[in-house]
Amino acid sequence: MLDVEVQSGKSHAAKHSLPRLRQLIEGLAPEKRPTLMRGDNAFGNEGVMAEMEEINQRYLFKLRQTDGIFTGSPGAIVPGPGRLREWF
């Protein structure tokens, strides 16, 4: 375990943990950073994904099933249609 911070019960959403999470990741040497950041659907939103992409952190977040979900994103594990070749 890297760190534990306790917050009030009303501060449990991903947006409340994102600043400290990013600080933790950026504070690690590149070779010590996680290979993959995993999160539930609370983290699977544009704001969190944009921040992970900004610091070049790969991620796997559960997303809600909505139209256009597989459009692909640079940090995403599942590439969009026609982008599978970019992985190899």
PDB file of N, CA and C in Angstrom:
ATOM      1  N   MET A   1       0.847  -1.163   0.000  1.00  0.00           N
ATOM      2  CA  MET A   1       0.000   0.000   0.000  1.00  0.00           C
ATOM      3  C   MET A   1       0.898   1.232   0.000  1.00  0.00           C
ATOM      4  N   LEU A   2       0.583   2.171  -0.856  1.00  0.00           N
ATOM      5  CA  LEU A   2       1.368   3.387  -0.954  1.00  0.00           C
ATOM      6  C   LEU A   2       0.973   4.427   0.078  1.00  0.00           C
ATOM      7  N   ASP A   3      -0.323   4.622   0.241  1.00  0.00           N
ATOM      8  CA  ASP A   3      -0.781   5.719   1.070  1.00  0.00           C
ATOM      9  C   ASP A   3      -2.258   5.520   1.388  1.00  0.00           C
ATOM     10  N   VAL A   4      -2.668   6.041   2.512  1.00  0.00           N
ATOM     11  CA  VAL A   4      -4.087   6.023   2.872  1.00  0.00           C
ATOM     12  C   VAL A   4      -4.427   7.393   3.416  1.00  0.00           C
ATOM     13  N   GLU A   5      -5.494   7.952   2.902  1.00  0.00           N
ATOM     14  CA  GLU A   5      -6.012   9.216   3.418  1.00  0.00           C
ATOM     15  C   GLU A   5      -7.483   9.024   3.707  1.00  0.00           C
ATOM     16  N   VAL A   6      -7.909   9.424   4.874  1.00  0.00           N
ATOM     17  CA  VAL A   6      -9.302   9.286   5.269  1.00  0.00           C
ATOM     18  C   VAL A   6      -9.982  10.632   5.076  1.00  0.00           C
ATOM     19  N   GLN A   7     -11.141  10.593   4.407  1.00  0.00           N
ATOM     20  CA  GLN A   7     -11.913  11.805   4.183  1.00  0.00           C
ATOM     21  C   GLN A   7     -13.321  11.588   4.703  1.00  0.00           C
ATOM     22  N   SER A   8     -14.084  12.659   4.763  1.00  0.00           N
ATOM     23  CA  SER A   8     -15.462  12.533   5.236  1.00  0.00           C
ATOM     24  C   SER A   8     -16.248  11.642   4.288  1.00  0.00           C
ATOM     25  N   GLY A   9     -17.315  11.094   4.764  1.00  0.00           N
ATOM     26  CA  GLY A   9     -18.132  10.189   3.962  1.00  0.00           C
ATOM     27  C   GLY A   9     -18.745  10.839   2.737  1.00  0.00           C
ATOM     28  N   LYS A  10     -18.757  12.151   2.671  1.00  0.00           N
ATOM     29  CA  LYS A  10     -19.318  12.852   1.524  1.00  0.00           C
ATOM     30  C   LYS A  10     -18.269  13.115   0.449  1.00  0.00           C
ATOM     31  N   SER A  11     -17.033  12.742   0.691  1.00  0.00           N
ATOM     32  CA  SER A  11     -15.943  12.979  -0.262  1.00  0.00           C
ATOM     33  C   SER A  11     -15.395  11.659  -0.772  1.00  0.00           C
ATOM     34  N   HIS A  12     -16.246  10.854  -1.346  1.00  0.00           N
ATOM     35  CA  HIS A  12     -15.811   9.527  -1.777  1.00  0.00           C
ATOM     36  C   HIS A  12     -15.722   9.383  -3.295  1.00  0.00           C
ATOM     37  N   ALA A  13     -16.179  10.359  -4.037  1.00  0.00           N
ATOM     38  CA  ALA A  13     -16.176  10.247  -5.495  1.00  0.00           C
ATOM     39  C   ALA A  13     -14.756  10.345  -6.036  1.00  0.00           C
ATOM     40  N   ALA A  14     -14.573   9.856  -7.246  1.00  0.00           N
ATOM     41  CA  ALA A  14     -13.260   9.868  -7.891  1.00  0.00           C
ATOM     42  C   ALA A  14     -12.681  11.274  -7.961  1.00  0.00           C
ATOM     43  N   LYS A  15     -13.526  12.254  -8.155  1.00  0.00           N
ATOM     44  CA  LYS A  15     -13.022  13.626  -8.287  1.00  0.00           C
ATOM     45  C   LYS A  15     -12.329  14.109  -7.017  1.00  0.00           C
ATOM     46  N   HIS A  16     -12.703  13.563  -5.872  1.00  0.00           N
ATOM     47  CA  HIS A  16     -12.068  13.962  -4.618  1.00  0.00           C
ATOM     48  C   HIS A  16     -10.707  13.297  -4.429  1.00  0.00           C
ATOM     49  N   SER A  17     -10.520  12.129  -5.001  1.00  0.00           N
ATOM     50  CA  SER A  17      -9.245  11.430  -4.845  1.00  0.00           C
ATOM     51  C   SER A  17      -8.271  11.720  -5.981  1.00  0.00           C
ATOM     52  N   LEU A  18      -8.749  12.282  -7.071  1.00  0.00           N
ATOM     53  CA  LEU A  18      -7.905  12.496  -8.246  1.00  0.00           C
ATOM     54  C   LEU A  18      -6.682  13.371  -7.990  1.00  0.00           C
ATOM     55  N   PRO A  19      -6.786  14.499  -7.310  1.00  0.00           N
ATOM     56  CA  PRO A  19      -5.588  15.319  -7.108  1.00  0.00           C
ATOM     57  C   PRO A  19      -4.465  14.569  -6.370  1.00  0.00           C
ATOM     58  N   ARG A  20      -4.821  13.848  -5.328  1.00  0.00           N
ATOM     59  CA  ARG A  20      -3.802  13.100  -4.564  1.00  0.00           C
ATOM     60  C   ARG A  20      -3.297  11.908  -5.365  1.00  0.00           C
ATOM     61  N   LEU A  21      -4.165  11.246  -6.098  1.00  0.00           N
ATOM     62  CA  LEU A  21      -3.749  10.121  -6.933  1.00  0.00           C
ATOM     63  C   LEU A  21      -2.725  10.579  -7.955  1.00  0.00           C
ATOM     64  N   ARG A  22      -3.017  11.676  -8.613  1.00  0.00           N
ATOM     65  CA  ARG A  22      -2.073  12.201  -9.606  1.00  0.00           C
ATOM     66  C   ARG A  22      -0.750  12.583  -8.939  1.00  0.00           C
ATOM     67  N   GLN A  23      -0.819  13.201  -7.786  1.00  0.00           N
ATOM     68  CA  GLN A  23       0.388  13.587  -7.059  1.00  0.00           C
ATOM     69  C   GLN A  23       1.227  12.346  -6.713  1.00  0.00           C
ATOM     70  N   LEU A  24       0.575  11.285  -6.276  1.00  0.00           N
ATOM     71  CA  LEU A  24       1.289  10.050  -5.962  1.00  0.00           C
ATOM     72  C   LEU A  24       1.985   9.473  -7.194  1.00  0.00           C
ATOM     73  N   ILE A  25       1.271   9.411  -8.305  1.00  0.00           N
ATOM     74  CA  ILE A  25       1.840   8.851  -9.527  1.00  0.00           C
ATOM     75  C   ILE A  25       3.017   9.695 -10.012  1.00  0.00           C
ATOM     76  N   GLU A  26       2.829  11.001 -10.055  1.00  0.00           N
ATOM     77  CA  GLU A  26       3.884  11.884 -10.532  1.00  0.00           C
ATOM     78  C   GLU A  26       5.092  11.902  -9.600  1.00  0.00           C
ATOM     79  N   GLY A  27       4.882  11.577  -8.326  1.00  0.00           N
ATOM     80  CA  GLY A  27       5.981  11.548  -7.368  1.00  0.00           C
ATOM     81  C   GLY A  27       6.856  10.315  -7.482  1.00  0.00           C
ATOM     82  N   LEU A  28       6.413   9.331  -8.238  1.00  0.00           N
ATOM     83  CA  LEU A  28       7.191   8.108  -8.425  1.00  0.00           C
ATOM     84  C   LEU A  28       8.142   8.250  -9.608  1.00  0.00           C
ATOM     85  N   ALA A  29       9.294   7.635  -9.495  1.00  0.00           N
ATOM     86  CA  ALA A  29      10.202   7.582 -10.642  1.00  0.00           C
ATOM     87  C   ALA A  29       9.508   6.816 -11.762  1.00  0.00           C
ATOM     88  N   PRO A  30       9.785   7.148 -13.022  1.00  0.00           N
ATOM     89  CA  PRO A  30       9.093   6.475 -14.135  1.00  0.00           C
ATOM     90  C   PRO A  30       9.115   4.953 -14.058  1.00  0.00           C
ATOM     91  N   GLU A  31      10.211   4.375 -13.639  1.00  0.00           N
ATOM     92  CA  GLU A  31      10.297   2.910 -13.571  1.00  0.00           C
ATOM     93  C   GLU A  31       9.524   2.323 -12.392  1.00  0.00           C
ATOM     94  N   LYS A  32       9.087   3.167 -11.465  1.00  0.00           N
ATOM     95  CA  LYS A  32       8.317   2.713 -10.302  1.00  0.00           C
ATOM     96  C   LYS A  32       6.816   2.967 -10.445  1.00  0.00           C
ATOM     97  N   ARG A  33       6.423   3.660 -11.514  1.00  0.00           N
ATOM     98  CA  ARG A  33       5.009   3.964 -11.711  1.00  0.00           C
ATOM     99  C   ARG A  33       4.228   2.696 -12.060  1.00  0.00           C
ATOM    100  N   PRO A  34       2.936   2.676 -11.766  1.00  0.00           N
ATOM    101  CA  PRO A  34       2.132   1.500 -12.108  1.00  0.00           C
ATOM    102  C   PRO A  34       2.109   1.280 -13.626  1.00  0.00           C
ATOM    103  N   THR A  35       2.120   0.027 -14.017  1.00  0.00           N
ATOM    104  CA  THR A  35       1.994  -0.306 -15.426  1.00  0.00           C
ATOM    105  C   THR A  35       0.617   0.061 -15.915  1.00  0.00           C
ATOM    106  N   LEU A  36      -0.366  -0.103 -15.042  1.00  0.00           N
ATOM    107  CA  LEU A  36      -1.759   0.116 -15.414  1.00  0.00           C
ATOM    108  C   LEU A  36      -2.525   0.642 -14.209  1.00  0.00           C
ATOM    109  N   MET A  37      -3.287   1.697 -14.403  1.00  0.00           N
ATOM    110  CA  MET A  37      -4.150   2.227 -13.356  1.00  0.00           C
ATOM    111  C   MET A  37      -5.538   1.616 -13.551  1.00  0.00           C
ATOM    112  N   ARG A  38      -6.090   0.984 -12.521  1.00  0.00           N
ATOM    113  CA  ARG A  38      -7.383   0.308 -12.605  1.00  0.00           C
ATOM    114  C   ARG A  38      -8.386   1.037 -11.731  1.00  0.00           C
ATOM    115  N   GLY A  39      -9.583   1.270 -12.256  1.00  0.00           N
ATOM    116  CA  GLY A  39     -10.609   1.937 -11.475  1.00  0.00           C
ATOM    117  C   GLY A  39     -11.997   1.522 -11.912  1.00  0.00           C
ATOM    118  N   ASP A  40     -12.975   1.733 -11.046  1.00  0.00           N
ATOM    119  CA  ASP A  40     -14.356   1.397 -11.395  1.00  0.00           C
ATOM    120  C   ASP A  40     -14.966   2.511 -12.233  1.00  0.00           C
ATOM    121  N   ASN A  41     -16.276   2.443 -12.460  1.00  0.00           N
ATOM    122  CA  ASN A  41     -16.893   3.413 -13.363  1.00  0.00           C
ATOM    123  C   ASN A  41     -16.897   4.841 -12.816  1.00  0.00           C
ATOM    124  N   ALA A  42     -16.645   5.041 -11.539  1.00  0.00           N
ATOM    125  CA  ALA A  42     -16.518   6.401 -11.021  1.00  0.00           C
ATOM    126  C   ALA A  42     -15.303   7.101 -11.632  1.00  0.00           C
ATOM    127  N   PHE A  43     -14.279   6.324 -11.981  1.00  0.00           N
ATOM    128  CA  PHE A  43     -13.076   6.882 -12.604  1.00  0.00           C
ATOM    129  C   PHE A  43     -13.200   6.937 -14.118  1.00  0.00           C
ATOM    130  N   GLY A  44     -14.173   6.233 -14.675  1.00  0.00           N
ATOM    131  CA  GLY A  44     -14.330   6.173 -16.126  1.00  0.00           C
ATOM    132  C   GLY A  44     -15.062   7.367 -16.687  1.00  0.00           C
ATOM    133  N   ASN A  45     -14.559   8.553 -16.417  1.00  0.00           N
ATOM    134  CA  ASN A  45     -15.162   9.767 -16.958  1.00  0.00           C
ATOM    135  C   ASN A  45     -14.080  10.596 -17.642  1.00  0.00           C
ATOM    136  N   GLU A  46     -14.496  11.527 -18.449  1.00  0.00           N
ATOM    137  CA  GLU A  46     -13.570  12.300 -19.276  1.00  0.00           C
ATOM    138  C   GLU A  46     -12.510  13.029 -18.459  1.00  0.00           C
ATOM    139  N   GLY A  47     -12.889  13.596 -17.332  1.00  0.00           N
ATOM    140  CA  GLY A  47     -11.927  14.338 -16.514  1.00  0.00           C
ATOM    141  C   GLY A  47     -10.788  13.480 -16.001  1.00  0.00           C
ATOM    142  N   VAL A  48     -11.113  12.332 -15.444  1.00  0.00           N
ATOM    143  CA  VAL A  48     -10.087  11.430 -14.904  1.00  0.00           C
ATOM    144  C   VAL A  48      -9.224  10.873 -16.039  1.00  0.00           C
ATOM    145  N   MET A  49      -9.882  10.440 -17.122  1.00  0.00           N
ATOM    146  CA  MET A  49      -9.122   9.876 -18.239  1.00  0.00           C
ATOM    147  C   MET A  49      -8.188  10.921 -18.854  1.00  0.00           C
ATOM    148  N   ALA A  50      -8.648  12.158 -18.963  1.00  0.00           N
ATOM    149  CA  ALA A  50      -7.806  13.223 -19.515  1.00  0.00           C
ATOM    150  C   ALA A  50      -6.580  13.456 -18.639  1.00  0.00           C
ATOM    151  N   GLU A  51      -6.770  13.420 -17.322  1.00  0.00           N
ATOM    152  CA  GLU A  51      -5.622  13.619 -16.429  1.00  0.00           C
ATOM    153  C   GLU A  51      -4.625  12.472 -16.526  1.00  0.00           C
ATOM    154  N   MET A  52      -5.119  11.236 -16.617  1.00  0.00           N
ATOM    155  CA  MET A  52      -4.221  10.093 -16.759  1.00  0.00           C
ATOM    156  C   MET A  52      -3.445  10.173 -18.078  1.00  0.00           C
ATOM    157  N   GLU A  53      -4.112  10.600 -19.141  1.00  0.00           N
ATOM    158  CA  GLU A  53      -3.453  10.737 -20.430  1.00  0.00           C
ATOM    159  C   GLU A  53      -2.430  11.872 -20.404  1.00  0.00           C
ATOM    160  N   GLU A  54      -2.735  12.919 -19.651  1.00  0.00           N
ATOM    161  CA  GLU A  54      -1.829  14.065 -19.546  1.00  0.00           C
ATOM    162  C   GLU A  54      -0.483  13.668 -18.929  1.00  0.00           C
ATOM    163  N   ILE A  55      -0.508  12.704 -18.021  1.00  0.00           N
ATOM    164  CA  ILE A  55       0.745  12.250 -17.391  1.00  0.00           C
ATOM    165  C   ILE A  55       1.217  10.920 -17.971  1.00  0.00           C
ATOM    166  N   ASN A  56       0.650  10.543 -19.126  1.00  0.00           N
ATOM    167  CA  ASN A  56       1.032   9.315 -19.829  1.00  0.00           C
ATOM    168  C   ASN A  56       0.887   8.063 -18.979  1.00  0.00           C
ATOM    169  N   GLN A  57      -0.190   8.002 -18.213  1.00  0.00           N
ATOM    170  CA  GLN A  57      -0.472   6.841 -17.382  1.00  0.00           C
ATOM    171  C   GLN A  57      -1.522   5.988 -18.064  1.00  0.00           C
ATOM    172  N   ARG A  58      -1.198   4.746 -18.377  1.00  0.00           N
ATOM    173  CA  ARG A  58      -2.188   3.836 -18.969  1.00  0.00           C
ATOM    174  C   ARG A  58      -3.218   3.482 -17.912  1.00  0.00           C
ATOM    175  N   TYR A  59      -4.453   3.228 -18.357  1.00  0.00           N
ATOM    176  CA  TYR A  59      -5.529   2.971 -17.408  1.00  0.00           C
ATOM    177  C   TYR A  59      -6.523   1.973 -17.968  1.00  0.00           C
ATOM    178  N   LEU A  60      -7.263   1.398 -17.059  1.00  0.00           N
ATOM    179  CA  LEU A  60      -8.382   0.524 -17.389  1.00  0.00           C
ATOM    180  C   LEU A  60      -9.500   0.871 -16.423  1.00  0.00           C
ATOM    181  N   PHE A  61     -10.515   1.548 -16.919  1.00  0.00           N
ATOM    182  CA  PHE A  61     -11.637   1.959 -16.093  1.00  0.00           C
ATOM    183  C   PHE A  61     -12.902   1.348 -16.649  1.00  0.00           C
ATOM    184  N   LYS A  62     -13.781   0.953 -15.771  1.00  0.00           N
ATOM    185  CA  LYS A  62     -15.090   0.467 -16.199  1.00  0.00           C
ATOM    186  C   LYS A  62     -15.903   1.674 -16.665  1.00  0.00           C
ATOM    187  N   LEU A  63     -16.518   1.543 -17.818  1.00  0.00           N
ATOM    188  CA  LEU A  63     -17.301   2.632 -18.375  1.00  0.00           C
ATOM    189  C   LEU A  63     -18.771   2.261 -18.429  1.00  0.00           C
ATOM    190  N   ARG A  64     -19.617   3.241 -18.390  1.00  0.00           N
ATOM    191  CA  ARG A  64     -21.043   2.992 -18.578  1.00  0.00           C
ATOM    192  C   ARG A  64     -21.283   2.625 -20.029  1.00  0.00           C
ATOM    193  N   GLN A  65     -22.284   1.832 -20.280  1.00  0.00           N
ATOM    194  CA  GLN A  65     -22.605   1.450 -21.649  1.00  0.00           C
ATOM    195  C   GLN A  65     -23.423   2.556 -22.297  1.00  0.00           C
ATOM    196  N   THR A  66     -22.752   3.330 -23.135  1.00  0.00           N
ATOM    197  CA  THR A  66     -23.418   4.401 -23.869  1.00  0.00           C
ATOM    198  C   THR A  66     -22.951   4.367 -25.311  1.00  0.00           C
ATOM    199  N   ASP A  67     -23.667   5.029 -26.183  1.00  0.00           N
ATOM    200  CA  ASP A  67     -23.262   5.101 -27.582  1.00  0.00           C
ATOM    201  C   ASP A  67     -21.904   5.773 -27.695  1.00  0.00           C
ATOM    202  N   GLY A  68     -21.075   5.270 -28.594  1.00  0.00           N
ATOM    203  CA  GLY A  68     -19.781   5.876 -28.857  1.00  0.00           C
ATOM    204  C   GLY A  68     -18.704   5.536 -27.848  1.00  0.00           C
ATOM    205  N   ILE A  69     -18.937   4.559 -26.982  1.00  0.00           N
ATOM    206  CA  ILE A  69     -17.984   4.253 -25.931  1.00  0.00           C
ATOM    207  C   ILE A  69     -16.671   3.697 -26.470  1.00  0.00           C
ATOM    208  N   PHE A  70     -16.700   3.023 -27.619  1.00  0.00           N
ATOM    209  CA  PHE A  70     -15.482   2.441 -28.164  1.00  0.00           C
ATOM    210  C   PHE A  70     -14.863   3.307 -29.254  1.00  0.00           C
ATOM    211  N   THR A  71     -14.791   4.591 -29.013  1.00  0.00           N
ATOM    212  CA  THR A  71     -14.189   5.483 -30.002  1.00  0.00           C
ATOM    213  C   THR A  71     -12.672   5.492 -29.892  1.00  0.00           C
ATOM    214  N   GLY A  72     -12.145   4.924 -28.840  1.00  0.00           N
ATOM    215  CA  GLY A  72     -10.700   4.850 -28.665  1.00  0.00           C
ATOM    216  C   GLY A  72     -10.152   6.105 -28.025  1.00  0.00           C
ATOM    217  N   SER A  73      -9.087   5.937 -27.272  1.00  0.00           N
ATOM    218  CA  SER A  73      -8.447   7.028 -26.577  1.00  0.00           C
ATOM    219  C   SER A  73      -6.995   6.631 -26.363  1.00  0.00           C
ATOM    220  N   PRO A  74      -6.035   7.564 -26.441  1.00  0.00           N
ATOM    221  CA  PRO A  74      -4.620   7.201 -26.366  1.00  0.00           C
ATOM    222  C   PRO A  74      -4.220   6.366 -25.153  1.00  0.00           C
ATOM    223  N   GLY A  75      -4.839   6.611 -23.976  1.00  0.00           N
ATOM    224  CA  GLY A  75      -4.470   5.858 -22.785  1.00  0.00           C
ATOM    225  C   GLY A  75      -5.323   4.642 -22.528  1.00  0.00           C
ATOM    226  N   ALA A  76      -6.341   4.460 -23.329  1.00  0.00           N
ATOM    227  CA  ALA A  76      -7.282   3.373 -23.098  1.00  0.00           C
ATOM    228  C   ALA A  76      -6.681   2.029 -23.478  1.00  0.00           C
ATOM    229  N   ILE A  77      -7.142   0.987 -22.820  1.00  0.00           N
ATOM    230  CA  ILE A  77      -6.681  -0.366 -23.103  1.00  0.00           C
ATOM    231  C   ILE A  77      -7.391  -0.932 -24.321  1.00  0.00           C
ATOM    232  N   VAL A  78      -8.647  -0.589 -24.504  1.00  0.00           N
ATOM    233  CA  VAL A  78      -9.408  -1.098 -25.646  1.00  0.00           C
ATOM    234  C   VAL A  78      -9.367  -0.055 -26.750  1.00  0.00           C
ATOM    235  N   PRO A  79      -8.727  -0.350 -27.868  1.00  0.00           N
ATOM    236  CA  PRO A  79      -8.657   0.635 -28.947  1.00  0.00           C
ATOM    237  C   PRO A  79      -9.992   0.767 -29.657  1.00  0.00           C
ATOM    238  N   GLY A  80     -10.183   1.872 -30.304  1.00  0.00           N
ATOM    239  CA  GLY A  80     -11.396   2.094 -31.067  1.00  0.00           C
ATOM    240  C   GLY A  80     -11.400   1.270 -32.341  1.00  0.00           C
ATOM    241  N   PRO A  81     -12.530   1.260 -33.044  1.00  0.00           N
ATOM    242  CA  PRO A  81     -12.622   0.502 -34.293  1.00  0.00           C
ATOM    243  C   PRO A  81     -11.523   0.904 -35.271  1.00  0.00           C
ATOM    244  N   GLY A  82     -10.881  -0.083 -35.854  1.00  0.00           N
ATOM    245  CA  GLY A  82      -9.848   0.178 -36.844  1.00  0.00           C
ATOM    246  C   GLY A  82      -8.508   0.567 -36.277  1.00  0.00           C
ATOM    247  N   ARG A  83      -8.367   0.606 -34.942  1.00  0.00           N
ATOM    248  CA  ARG A  83      -7.100   1.026 -34.334  1.00  0.00           C
ATOM    249  C   ARG A  83      -6.321  -0.125 -33.733  1.00  0.00           C
ATOM    250  N   LEU A  84      -6.823  -1.330 -33.858  1.00  0.00           N
ATOM    251  CA  LEU A  84      -6.156  -2.476 -33.258  1.00  0.00           C
ATOM    252  C   LEU A  84      -4.734  -2.636 -33.786  1.00  0.00           C
ATOM    253  N   ARG A  85      -4.519  -2.342 -35.072  1.00  0.00           N
ATOM    254  CA  ARG A  85      -3.178  -2.481 -35.658  1.00  0.00           C
ATOM    255  C   ARG A  85      -2.158  -1.581 -34.980  1.00  0.00           C
ATOM    256  N   GLU A  86      -2.595  -0.469 -34.412  1.00  0.00           N
ATOM    257  CA  GLU A  86      -1.677   0.453 -33.742  1.00  0.00           C
ATOM    258  C   GLU A  86      -1.031  -0.189 -32.510  1.00  0.00           C
ATOM    259  N   TRP A  87      -1.638  -1.227 -32.000  1.00  0.00           N
ATOM    260  CA  TRP A  87      -1.131  -1.883 -30.800  1.00  0.00           C
ATOM    261  C   TRP A  87       0.012  -2.839 -31.095  1.00  0.00           C
ATOM    262  N   PHE A  88       0.167  -3.247 -32.337  1.00  0.00           N
ATOM    263  CA  PHE A  88       1.158  -4.274 -32.664  1.00  0.00           C
ATOM    264  C   PHE A  88       2.311  -3.694 -33.444  1.00  0.00           C
TER     265      PHE A  88
END
